[in-house]
């Protein structure tokens, strides 16, 4: 009695879907400002689509994705340009908010295993500076008893009277004192 063993070959495929992550950079910005995030890549990925996403970087978290090389793609507060000759794509986020602080990824859309570079963004409140510029023309006050007017000139640096005098009453005289207020955010 002979025993024969048959070995059958069943083809099997193993698909590994995953992500290769590299440590990234730290970027800082201020509220209302903009930040440019630079994402370098290897020569092998010059014509591979690129994207920028927020952690945890699932499909729904993609903020912007490249369509063509060497052209700016814009979507809301985000823009992306892939400069093939420099092997870098740059993402710009404008009108920064405090809630923009967090972890992001520069992504290269490879089949079955995207390459992600981790980026930290920290947004700080801006420093507000108030600037007040005041100037004056002549202030006229009318005295009805002697049909004349008197004027007082104020200095922008001091609200005290700098000069006094009298002049004949003019129908068009009035007061002109103005201030311009500026509110600035220092970045």
N, C-alpha and C. Protein backbone atom coordinates (compact mmCIF):
# COMPACT_ATOMS: atom_id res chain seq x y z
N UNK A 1 0.85 -1.14 0.00
CA UNK A 1 0.00 0.00 0.00
C UNK A 1 0.91 1.22 0.00
N UNK A 2 0.63 2.09 -0.92
CA UNK A 2 1.45 3.28 -1.00
C UNK A 2 0.61 4.51 -0.68
N UNK A 3 1.23 5.40 -0.01
CA UNK A 3 0.56 6.64 0.38
C UNK A 3 1.20 7.77 -0.42
N UNK A 4 0.37 8.48 -1.10
CA UNK A 4 0.88 9.65 -1.83
C UNK A 4 0.27 10.91 -1.22
N UNK A 5 1.09 11.82 -1.08
CA UNK A 5 0.61 13.09 -0.53
C UNK A 5 0.55 14.12 -1.65
N UNK A 6 -0.53 14.80 -1.70
CA UNK A 6 -0.68 15.85 -2.70
C UNK A 6 -0.53 17.21 -2.01
N UNK A 7 0.22 18.00 -2.63
CA UNK A 7 0.38 19.36 -2.10
C UNK A 7 -0.28 20.30 -3.09
N UNK A 8 -1.22 21.00 -2.62
CA UNK A 8 -1.88 21.95 -3.53
C UNK A 8 -1.34 23.35 -3.25
N UNK A 9 -1.12 24.07 -4.29
CA UNK A 9 -0.63 25.43 -4.17
C UNK A 9 -1.81 26.39 -4.30
N UNK A 10 -2.04 27.12 -3.27
CA UNK A 10 -3.10 28.12 -3.28
C UNK A 10 -2.43 29.49 -3.24
N UNK A 11 -2.65 30.24 -4.30
CA UNK A 11 -2.02 31.56 -4.28
C UNK A 11 -2.66 32.43 -3.20
N UNK A 12 -1.84 33.13 -2.51
CA UNK A 12 -2.36 34.03 -1.49
C UNK A 12 -1.66 35.38 -1.63
N UNK A 13 -2.42 36.38 -1.34
CA UNK A 13 -1.90 37.74 -1.42
C UNK A 13 -2.08 38.40 -0.07
N UNK A 14 -1.11 39.11 0.32
CA UNK A 14 -1.21 39.85 1.57
C UNK A 14 -1.09 41.33 1.22
N UNK A 15 -2.13 42.05 1.55
CA UNK A 15 -2.10 43.49 1.33
C UNK A 15 -1.83 44.17 2.66
N UNK A 16 -0.78 44.91 2.69
CA UNK A 16 -0.47 45.66 3.90
C UNK A 16 -0.85 47.12 3.66
N UNK A 17 -1.86 47.51 4.34
CA UNK A 17 -2.21 48.93 4.25
C UNK A 17 -1.72 49.59 5.51
N UNK A 18 -0.96 50.59 5.33
CA UNK A 18 -0.41 51.25 6.50
C UNK A 18 0.11 52.61 6.15
N UNK A 19 0.75 53.18 7.11
CA UNK A 19 1.26 54.53 6.95
C UNK A 19 2.66 54.57 7.51
N UNK A 20 3.56 55.15 6.76
CA UNK A 20 4.92 55.37 7.23
C UNK A 20 4.98 56.80 7.74
N UNK A 21 5.27 56.97 9.03
CA UNK A 21 5.29 58.31 9.61
C UNK A 21 6.71 58.70 9.99
N UNK A 22 7.02 59.94 9.71
CA UNK A 22 8.30 60.50 10.11
C UNK A 22 8.04 61.66 11.06
N UNK A 23 9.00 61.91 11.94
CA UNK A 23 8.83 63.05 12.85
C UNK A 23 8.94 64.33 12.04
N UNK A 24 8.29 65.37 12.53
CA UNK A 24 8.23 66.59 11.75
C UNK A 24 8.72 67.81 12.47
N UNK A 25 8.23 68.92 11.99
CA UNK A 25 8.67 70.22 12.46
C UNK A 25 7.62 70.89 13.33
N UNK A 26 8.06 71.95 13.99
CA UNK A 26 7.16 72.77 14.80
C UNK A 26 7.05 74.13 14.14
N UNK A 27 5.83 74.57 13.93
CA UNK A 27 5.56 75.88 13.33
C UNK A 27 4.75 76.70 14.32
N UNK A 28 4.97 78.02 14.29
CA UNK A 28 4.23 78.92 15.18
C UNK A 28 3.64 80.06 14.38
N UNK A 29 2.49 80.55 14.85
CA UNK A 29 1.84 81.69 14.23
C UNK A 29 1.02 82.42 15.26
N UNK A 30 0.47 83.56 14.86
CA UNK A 30 -0.38 84.34 15.75
C UNK A 30 -1.77 84.45 15.15
N UNK A 31 -2.74 84.66 16.01
CA UNK A 31 -4.13 84.78 15.60
C UNK A 31 -4.24 85.88 14.53
N UNK A 32 -4.93 85.55 13.45
CA UNK A 32 -5.12 86.50 12.36
C UNK A 32 -4.03 86.47 11.32
N UNK A 33 -2.90 85.85 11.64
CA UNK A 33 -1.77 85.80 10.72
C UNK A 33 -1.85 84.60 9.79
N UNK A 34 -0.70 84.26 9.20
CA UNK A 34 -0.63 83.09 8.34
C UNK A 34 0.65 82.33 8.64
N UNK A 35 0.66 81.08 8.24
CA UNK A 35 1.84 80.25 8.43
C UNK A 35 2.05 79.45 7.14
N UNK A 36 3.31 79.28 6.76
CA UNK A 36 3.66 78.47 5.60
C UNK A 36 4.39 77.23 6.09
N UNK A 37 3.83 76.09 5.79
CA UNK A 37 4.40 74.81 6.23
C UNK A 37 5.05 74.14 5.04
N UNK A 38 6.33 73.87 5.17
CA UNK A 38 7.10 73.28 4.07
C UNK A 38 7.21 71.78 4.26
N UNK A 39 6.88 71.05 3.20
CA UNK A 39 6.85 69.60 3.25
C UNK A 39 7.76 69.02 2.15
N UNK A 40 9.00 68.69 2.48
CA UNK A 40 9.91 68.11 1.48
C UNK A 40 9.57 66.65 1.20
N UNK A 41 9.97 66.17 0.02
CA UNK A 41 9.75 64.77 -0.33
C UNK A 41 10.88 64.29 -1.24
N UNK A 42 10.99 62.98 -1.38
CA UNK A 42 12.02 62.37 -2.21
C UNK A 42 11.68 62.49 -3.69
N UNK A 43 12.70 62.39 -4.52
CA UNK A 43 12.55 62.50 -5.97
C UNK A 43 11.57 61.47 -6.54
N UNK A 44 11.47 60.31 -5.89
CA UNK A 44 10.56 59.25 -6.36
C UNK A 44 9.10 59.68 -6.35
N UNK A 45 8.76 60.70 -5.59
CA UNK A 45 7.35 61.08 -5.41
C UNK A 45 7.01 62.41 -6.07
N UNK A 46 7.81 62.81 -7.07
CA UNK A 46 7.58 64.09 -7.73
C UNK A 46 6.17 64.22 -8.30
N UNK A 47 5.67 63.16 -8.88
CA UNK A 47 4.37 63.23 -9.55
C UNK A 47 3.28 62.47 -8.80
N UNK A 48 3.52 62.22 -7.54
CA UNK A 48 2.53 61.57 -6.68
C UNK A 48 1.70 62.65 -6.00
N UNK A 49 0.38 62.47 -5.92
CA UNK A 49 -0.45 63.49 -5.26
C UNK A 49 -0.04 63.72 -3.80
N UNK A 50 -0.12 64.98 -3.39
CA UNK A 50 0.21 65.37 -2.02
C UNK A 50 -1.03 65.93 -1.35
N UNK A 51 -1.05 65.87 -0.01
CA UNK A 51 -2.19 66.42 0.72
C UNK A 51 -1.73 66.87 2.10
N UNK A 52 -2.60 67.61 2.77
CA UNK A 52 -2.34 68.12 4.11
C UNK A 52 -3.57 67.82 4.94
N UNK A 53 -3.37 67.20 6.11
CA UNK A 53 -4.51 66.80 6.92
C UNK A 53 -4.24 67.08 8.40
N UNK A 54 -5.33 67.07 9.14
CA UNK A 54 -5.24 67.27 10.60
C UNK A 54 -5.35 65.90 11.27
N UNK A 55 -4.64 65.77 12.40
CA UNK A 55 -4.67 64.52 13.16
C UNK A 55 -6.11 64.17 13.54
N UNK A 56 -6.58 62.97 13.34
CA UNK A 56 -5.88 61.71 13.12
C UNK A 56 -5.63 61.38 11.65
N UNK A 57 -5.88 62.29 10.76
CA UNK A 57 -5.55 62.18 9.34
C UNK A 57 -6.28 61.05 8.62
N UNK A 58 -7.56 60.94 8.87
CA UNK A 58 -8.41 60.05 8.07
C UNK A 58 -8.89 60.85 6.86
N UNK A 59 -9.59 60.20 5.95
CA UNK A 59 -10.03 60.85 4.72
C UNK A 59 -10.81 62.14 5.00
N UNK A 60 -11.64 62.12 6.03
CA UNK A 60 -12.46 63.29 6.36
C UNK A 60 -11.63 64.45 6.93
N UNK A 61 -10.39 64.19 7.31
CA UNK A 61 -9.55 65.22 7.92
C UNK A 61 -8.61 65.89 6.91
N UNK A 62 -8.69 65.49 5.63
CA UNK A 62 -7.85 66.10 4.61
C UNK A 62 -8.35 67.52 4.37
N UNK A 63 -7.45 68.49 4.54
CA UNK A 63 -7.81 69.90 4.42
C UNK A 63 -7.62 70.42 3.00
N UNK A 64 -6.59 69.91 2.31
CA UNK A 64 -6.34 70.31 0.93
C UNK A 64 -5.47 69.25 0.27
N UNK A 65 -5.67 69.07 -1.04
CA UNK A 65 -4.95 68.04 -1.79
C UNK A 65 -4.49 68.62 -3.12
N UNK A 66 -3.30 68.22 -3.56
CA UNK A 66 -2.77 68.73 -4.83
C UNK A 66 -3.51 68.11 -6.00
N UNK A 67 -3.64 68.90 -7.06
CA UNK A 67 -4.26 68.40 -8.28
C UNK A 67 -3.22 68.38 -9.40
N UNK A 68 -2.44 69.45 -9.49
CA UNK A 68 -1.40 69.56 -10.51
C UNK A 68 -0.13 70.09 -9.85
N UNK A 69 0.98 69.83 -10.50
CA UNK A 69 2.25 70.33 -9.97
C UNK A 69 2.46 71.78 -10.41
N UNK A 70 3.22 72.49 -9.62
CA UNK A 70 3.60 73.88 -9.89
C UNK A 70 2.42 74.83 -10.08
N UNK A 71 1.30 74.51 -9.48
CA UNK A 71 0.12 75.39 -9.50
C UNK A 71 -0.44 75.47 -8.09
N UNK A 72 -0.90 76.67 -7.74
CA UNK A 72 -1.48 76.87 -6.41
C UNK A 72 -2.91 76.34 -6.41
N UNK A 73 -3.21 75.51 -5.43
CA UNK A 73 -4.56 75.01 -5.21
C UNK A 73 -5.06 75.69 -3.94
N UNK A 74 -6.24 76.30 -4.00
CA UNK A 74 -6.77 77.00 -2.83
C UNK A 74 -8.11 76.42 -2.44
N UNK A 75 -8.35 76.39 -1.14
CA UNK A 75 -9.62 75.95 -0.60
C UNK A 75 -9.83 76.58 0.76
N UNK A 76 -10.67 77.59 0.83
CA UNK A 76 -10.92 78.27 2.09
C UNK A 76 -9.67 78.98 2.58
N UNK A 77 -9.27 78.70 3.81
CA UNK A 77 -8.09 79.32 4.41
C UNK A 77 -6.80 78.61 4.04
N UNK A 78 -6.90 77.53 3.26
CA UNK A 78 -5.74 76.69 2.95
C UNK A 78 -5.36 76.82 1.48
N UNK A 79 -4.06 76.80 1.22
CA UNK A 79 -3.57 76.72 -0.15
C UNK A 79 -2.36 75.80 -0.16
N UNK A 80 -2.11 75.18 -1.31
CA UNK A 80 -1.02 74.22 -1.46
C UNK A 80 -0.39 74.43 -2.82
N UNK A 81 0.93 74.42 -2.87
CA UNK A 81 1.64 74.41 -4.14
C UNK A 81 2.73 73.35 -4.06
N UNK A 82 2.79 72.51 -5.09
CA UNK A 82 3.78 71.44 -5.18
C UNK A 82 4.84 71.89 -6.19
N UNK A 83 6.01 72.24 -5.70
CA UNK A 83 7.09 72.70 -6.57
C UNK A 83 8.01 71.51 -6.84
N UNK A 84 7.82 70.90 -8.01
CA UNK A 84 8.50 69.66 -8.35
C UNK A 84 10.02 69.86 -8.43
N UNK A 85 10.46 70.97 -8.99
CA UNK A 85 11.91 71.19 -9.14
C UNK A 85 12.62 71.25 -7.79
N UNK A 86 11.92 71.69 -6.77
CA UNK A 86 12.51 71.77 -5.43
C UNK A 86 12.17 70.59 -4.55
N UNK A 87 11.36 69.66 -5.08
CA UNK A 87 10.89 68.49 -4.33
C UNK A 87 10.34 68.91 -2.96
N UNK A 88 9.42 69.87 -3.01
CA UNK A 88 8.79 70.36 -1.78
C UNK A 88 7.39 70.85 -2.11
N UNK A 89 6.47 70.58 -1.21
CA UNK A 89 5.18 71.25 -1.35
C UNK A 89 4.95 72.09 -0.11
N UNK A 90 4.33 73.24 -0.34
CA UNK A 90 4.12 74.21 0.73
C UNK A 90 2.64 74.41 0.94
N UNK A 91 2.23 74.34 2.20
CA UNK A 91 0.84 74.58 2.58
C UNK A 91 0.80 75.89 3.35
N UNK A 92 -0.11 76.76 2.96
CA UNK A 92 -0.30 78.04 3.66
C UNK A 92 -1.65 78.02 4.34
N UNK A 93 -1.67 78.36 5.61
CA UNK A 93 -2.92 78.53 6.35
C UNK A 93 -3.00 80.01 6.70
N UNK A 94 -4.06 80.67 6.27
CA UNK A 94 -4.20 82.10 6.59
C UNK A 94 -5.34 82.32 7.56
N UNK A 95 -5.39 83.51 8.11
CA UNK A 95 -6.40 83.88 9.11
C UNK A 95 -6.39 82.88 10.27
N UNK A 96 -5.21 82.66 10.83
CA UNK A 96 -5.04 81.67 11.90
C UNK A 96 -5.96 81.93 13.09
N UNK A 97 -6.40 80.84 13.70
CA UNK A 97 -7.24 80.87 14.91
C UNK A 97 -6.53 80.06 15.99
N UNK A 98 -6.88 80.34 17.23
CA UNK A 98 -6.31 79.55 18.33
C UNK A 98 -6.62 78.07 18.16
N UNK A 99 -7.80 77.77 17.64
CA UNK A 99 -8.21 76.37 17.47
C UNK A 99 -7.43 75.65 16.37
N UNK A 100 -6.62 76.38 15.61
CA UNK A 100 -5.78 75.74 14.59
C UNK A 100 -4.57 75.04 15.22
N UNK A 101 -4.27 75.33 16.47
CA UNK A 101 -3.15 74.67 17.13
C UNK A 101 -3.39 73.17 17.17
N UNK A 102 -2.34 72.41 16.91
CA UNK A 102 -2.47 70.95 16.98
C UNK A 102 -1.50 70.25 16.06
N UNK A 103 -1.79 68.97 15.81
CA UNK A 103 -0.93 68.11 15.00
C UNK A 103 -1.54 67.98 13.61
N UNK A 104 -0.69 68.12 12.61
CA UNK A 104 -1.07 67.98 11.20
C UNK A 104 -0.09 67.03 10.54
N UNK A 105 -0.41 66.63 9.31
CA UNK A 105 0.48 65.77 8.54
C UNK A 105 0.58 66.25 7.11
N UNK A 106 1.81 66.25 6.59
CA UNK A 106 2.04 66.42 5.16
C UNK A 106 2.00 65.02 4.59
N UNK A 107 1.09 64.77 3.65
CA UNK A 107 0.90 63.42 3.16
C UNK A 107 1.27 63.24 1.70
N UNK A 108 1.84 62.08 1.39
CA UNK A 108 2.09 61.67 0.01
C UNK A 108 1.20 60.46 -0.23
N UNK A 109 0.35 60.57 -1.23
CA UNK A 109 -0.70 59.58 -1.50
C UNK A 109 -0.15 58.39 -2.28
N UNK A 110 0.48 57.45 -1.56
CA UNK A 110 1.02 56.22 -2.17
C UNK A 110 0.01 55.10 -2.05
N UNK A 111 0.03 54.22 -3.02
CA UNK A 111 -0.87 53.06 -2.96
C UNK A 111 -0.55 52.24 -1.72
N UNK A 112 -1.54 51.98 -0.94
CA UNK A 112 -1.51 51.09 0.23
C UNK A 112 -0.68 51.57 1.41
N UNK A 113 0.16 52.56 1.23
CA UNK A 113 0.92 53.05 2.39
C UNK A 113 1.35 54.50 2.16
N UNK A 114 0.50 55.40 2.59
CA UNK A 114 0.82 56.82 2.47
C UNK A 114 2.03 57.15 3.34
N UNK A 115 2.76 58.15 2.91
CA UNK A 115 3.88 58.64 3.69
C UNK A 115 3.43 59.93 4.36
N UNK A 116 3.55 59.99 5.68
CA UNK A 116 3.11 61.16 6.43
C UNK A 116 4.27 61.76 7.22
N UNK A 117 4.41 63.07 7.12
CA UNK A 117 5.37 63.81 7.95
C UNK A 117 4.58 64.60 8.97
N UNK A 118 4.88 64.38 10.22
CA UNK A 118 4.15 65.02 11.32
C UNK A 118 4.60 66.48 11.47
N UNK A 119 3.62 67.35 11.66
CA UNK A 119 3.86 68.78 11.83
C UNK A 119 3.08 69.26 13.04
N UNK A 120 3.72 70.03 13.90
CA UNK A 120 3.04 70.64 15.05
C UNK A 120 2.85 72.12 14.75
N UNK A 121 1.63 72.59 14.96
CA UNK A 121 1.33 74.02 14.78
C UNK A 121 0.86 74.59 16.10
N UNK A 122 1.47 75.68 16.50
CA UNK A 122 1.09 76.37 17.72
C UNK A 122 0.69 77.80 17.37
N UNK A 123 -0.56 78.15 17.67
CA UNK A 123 -1.06 79.50 17.37
C UNK A 123 -1.21 80.24 18.69
N UNK A 124 -0.63 81.43 18.75
CA UNK A 124 -0.65 82.25 19.96
C UNK A 124 -1.52 83.48 19.73
N UNK A 125 -2.12 84.00 20.80
CA UNK A 125 -2.86 85.25 20.64
C UNK A 125 -1.89 86.37 20.26
N UNK A 126 -2.35 87.28 19.44
CA UNK A 126 -1.50 88.41 19.06
C UNK A 126 -1.41 89.41 20.19
N UNK A 127 -0.38 90.21 20.20
CA UNK A 127 -0.23 91.29 21.16
C UNK A 127 -0.90 92.53 20.58
N UNK A 128 -1.92 93.01 21.25
CA UNK A 128 -2.65 94.17 20.76
C UNK A 128 -1.96 95.45 21.21
N UNK A 129 -1.84 96.37 20.30
CA UNK A 129 -1.28 97.68 20.59
C UNK A 129 -2.30 98.71 20.12
N UNK A 130 -2.64 99.62 20.99
CA UNK A 130 -3.57 100.68 20.64
C UNK A 130 -2.77 101.96 20.43
N UNK A 131 -2.96 102.58 19.31
CA UNK A 131 -2.29 103.83 18.98
C UNK A 131 -3.36 104.88 18.79
N UNK A 132 -3.19 106.00 19.47
CA UNK A 132 -4.15 107.10 19.35
C UNK A 132 -3.39 108.31 18.84
N UNK A 133 -3.81 108.83 17.71
CA UNK A 133 -3.20 110.02 17.15
C UNK A 133 -4.25 111.12 17.17
N UNK A 134 -3.92 112.20 17.83
CA UNK A 134 -4.86 113.32 17.92
C UNK A 134 -4.23 114.55 17.28
N UNK A 135 -5.06 115.34 16.68
CA UNK A 135 -4.62 116.59 16.08
C UNK A 135 -5.72 117.61 16.31
N UNK A 136 -5.35 118.85 16.19
CA UNK A 136 -6.37 119.87 16.42
C UNK A 136 -6.25 120.98 15.42
N UNK A 137 -7.36 121.58 15.16
CA UNK A 137 -7.41 122.85 14.47
C UNK A 137 -7.79 123.84 15.55
N UNK A 138 -8.30 124.95 15.21
CA UNK A 138 -8.67 125.93 16.23
C UNK A 138 -10.05 125.63 16.77
N UNK A 139 -10.22 125.83 18.06
CA UNK A 139 -11.52 125.72 18.70
C UNK A 139 -12.07 127.13 18.83
N UNK A 140 -13.26 127.30 18.37
CA UNK A 140 -13.88 128.62 18.44
C UNK A 140 -15.06 128.57 19.38
N UNK A 141 -15.16 129.55 20.21
CA UNK A 141 -16.36 129.68 21.03
C UNK A 141 -16.94 131.07 20.77
N UNK A 142 -18.22 131.15 20.66
CA UNK A 142 -18.89 132.40 20.28
C UNK A 142 -19.43 133.09 21.52
N UNK A 143 -19.12 134.37 21.65
CA UNK A 143 -19.67 135.19 22.72
C UNK A 143 -20.69 136.13 22.07
N UNK A 144 -21.94 136.03 22.46
CA UNK A 144 -22.99 136.81 21.84
C UNK A 144 -22.97 138.26 22.27
N UNK A 145 -22.35 138.58 23.38
CA UNK A 145 -22.40 139.95 23.90
C UNK A 145 -21.55 140.92 23.08
N UNK A 146 -20.36 140.52 22.66
CA UNK A 146 -19.51 141.47 21.94
C UNK A 146 -19.32 141.11 20.47
N UNK A 147 -20.12 140.18 19.96
CA UNK A 147 -20.09 139.79 18.55
C UNK A 147 -18.68 139.39 18.08
N UNK A 148 -17.92 138.75 18.93
CA UNK A 148 -16.60 138.28 18.53
C UNK A 148 -16.46 136.83 18.96
N UNK A 149 -15.44 136.21 18.49
CA UNK A 149 -15.19 134.83 18.89
C UNK A 149 -13.79 134.74 19.48
N UNK A 150 -13.60 133.75 20.30
CA UNK A 150 -12.27 133.51 20.83
C UNK A 150 -11.86 132.10 20.44
N UNK A 151 -10.59 131.88 20.34
CA UNK A 151 -10.14 130.56 19.96
C UNK A 151 -9.14 130.03 20.96
N UNK A 152 -9.09 128.73 21.01
CA UNK A 152 -8.11 128.05 21.84
C UNK A 152 -7.50 126.94 21.00
N UNK A 153 -6.22 126.84 20.99
CA UNK A 153 -5.57 125.78 20.25
C UNK A 153 -4.99 124.79 21.24
N UNK A 154 -5.28 123.52 20.98
CA UNK A 154 -4.79 122.46 21.86
C UNK A 154 -3.64 121.74 21.18
N UNK A 155 -2.70 121.32 21.96
CA UNK A 155 -1.58 120.55 21.44
C UNK A 155 -1.95 119.07 21.46
N UNK A 156 -1.53 118.31 20.45
CA UNK A 156 -1.81 116.87 20.45
C UNK A 156 -1.18 116.14 21.63
N UNK A 157 -0.12 116.68 22.18
CA UNK A 157 0.55 115.99 23.29
C UNK A 157 -0.01 116.39 24.64
N UNK A 158 -0.68 117.51 24.68
CA UNK A 158 -1.22 117.97 25.95
C UNK A 158 -2.57 118.61 25.71
N UNK A 159 -3.59 118.20 26.44
CA UNK A 159 -4.92 118.76 26.21
C UNK A 159 -5.10 120.14 26.84
N UNK A 160 -4.01 120.78 27.27
CA UNK A 160 -4.13 122.11 27.87
C UNK A 160 -4.05 123.16 26.78
N UNK A 161 -4.56 124.34 27.09
CA UNK A 161 -4.59 125.43 26.12
C UNK A 161 -3.18 125.89 25.81
N UNK A 162 -2.84 125.99 24.54
CA UNK A 162 -1.52 126.44 24.12
C UNK A 162 -1.50 127.92 23.75
N UNK A 163 -2.57 128.40 23.16
CA UNK A 163 -2.61 129.82 22.80
C UNK A 163 -4.04 130.31 22.83
N UNK A 164 -4.19 131.61 23.06
CA UNK A 164 -5.51 132.22 23.11
C UNK A 164 -5.48 133.48 22.28
N UNK A 165 -6.63 133.90 21.83
CA UNK A 165 -6.70 135.15 21.09
C UNK A 165 -8.14 135.47 20.77
N UNK A 166 -8.35 136.55 20.06
CA UNK A 166 -9.71 136.86 19.64
C UNK A 166 -9.68 137.29 18.19
N UNK A 167 -10.74 137.03 17.54
CA UNK A 167 -10.87 137.34 16.12
C UNK A 167 -12.30 137.71 15.84
N UNK A 168 -12.58 138.48 14.81
CA UNK A 168 -13.97 138.80 14.50
C UNK A 168 -14.77 137.53 14.24
N UNK A 169 -16.04 137.56 14.58
CA UNK A 169 -16.92 136.41 14.43
C UNK A 169 -17.05 136.01 12.97
N UNK A 170 -16.90 134.76 12.69
CA UNK A 170 -17.03 134.22 11.34
C UNK A 170 -18.14 133.20 11.36
N UNK A 171 -19.06 133.29 10.40
CA UNK A 171 -20.20 132.35 10.36
C UNK A 171 -19.73 130.91 10.22
N UNK A 172 -18.62 130.68 9.57
CA UNK A 172 -18.16 129.32 9.28
C UNK A 172 -17.26 128.74 10.36
N UNK A 173 -17.04 129.45 11.43
CA UNK A 173 -16.13 128.93 12.45
C UNK A 173 -16.81 127.82 13.24
N UNK A 174 -16.02 126.93 13.76
CA UNK A 174 -16.52 125.81 14.54
C UNK A 174 -15.37 125.12 15.21
N UNK A 175 -15.63 123.98 15.78
CA UNK A 175 -14.54 123.27 16.44
C UNK A 175 -14.15 122.07 15.60
N UNK A 176 -12.88 121.84 15.53
CA UNK A 176 -12.36 120.70 14.79
C UNK A 176 -11.24 120.06 15.59
N UNK A 177 -11.56 119.04 16.30
CA UNK A 177 -10.57 118.29 17.06
C UNK A 177 -10.85 116.83 16.77
N UNK A 178 -9.87 116.12 16.31
CA UNK A 178 -10.13 114.73 15.95
C UNK A 178 -9.03 113.82 16.47
N UNK A 179 -9.42 112.59 16.68
CA UNK A 179 -8.48 111.55 17.07
C UNK A 179 -8.68 110.36 16.14
N UNK A 180 -7.61 109.72 15.82
CA UNK A 180 -7.66 108.49 15.03
C UNK A 180 -7.18 107.37 15.93
N UNK A 181 -7.96 106.33 16.02
CA UNK A 181 -7.63 105.19 16.86
C UNK A 181 -7.20 104.02 15.97
N UNK A 182 -6.08 103.42 16.28
CA UNK A 182 -5.60 102.25 15.57
C UNK A 182 -5.50 101.10 16.57
N UNK A 183 -5.93 99.96 16.16
CA UNK A 183 -5.70 98.75 16.96
C UNK A 183 -4.87 97.82 16.09
N UNK A 184 -3.72 97.43 16.57
CA UNK A 184 -2.80 96.61 15.79
C UNK A 184 -2.53 95.31 16.52
N UNK A 185 -2.28 94.27 15.75
CA UNK A 185 -1.84 93.00 16.31
C UNK A 185 -0.39 92.82 15.92
N UNK A 186 0.48 92.71 16.91
CA UNK A 186 1.89 92.47 16.65
C UNK A 186 2.12 90.98 16.48
N UNK A 187 2.89 90.64 15.48
CA UNK A 187 3.17 89.23 15.21
C UNK A 187 4.58 88.90 15.53
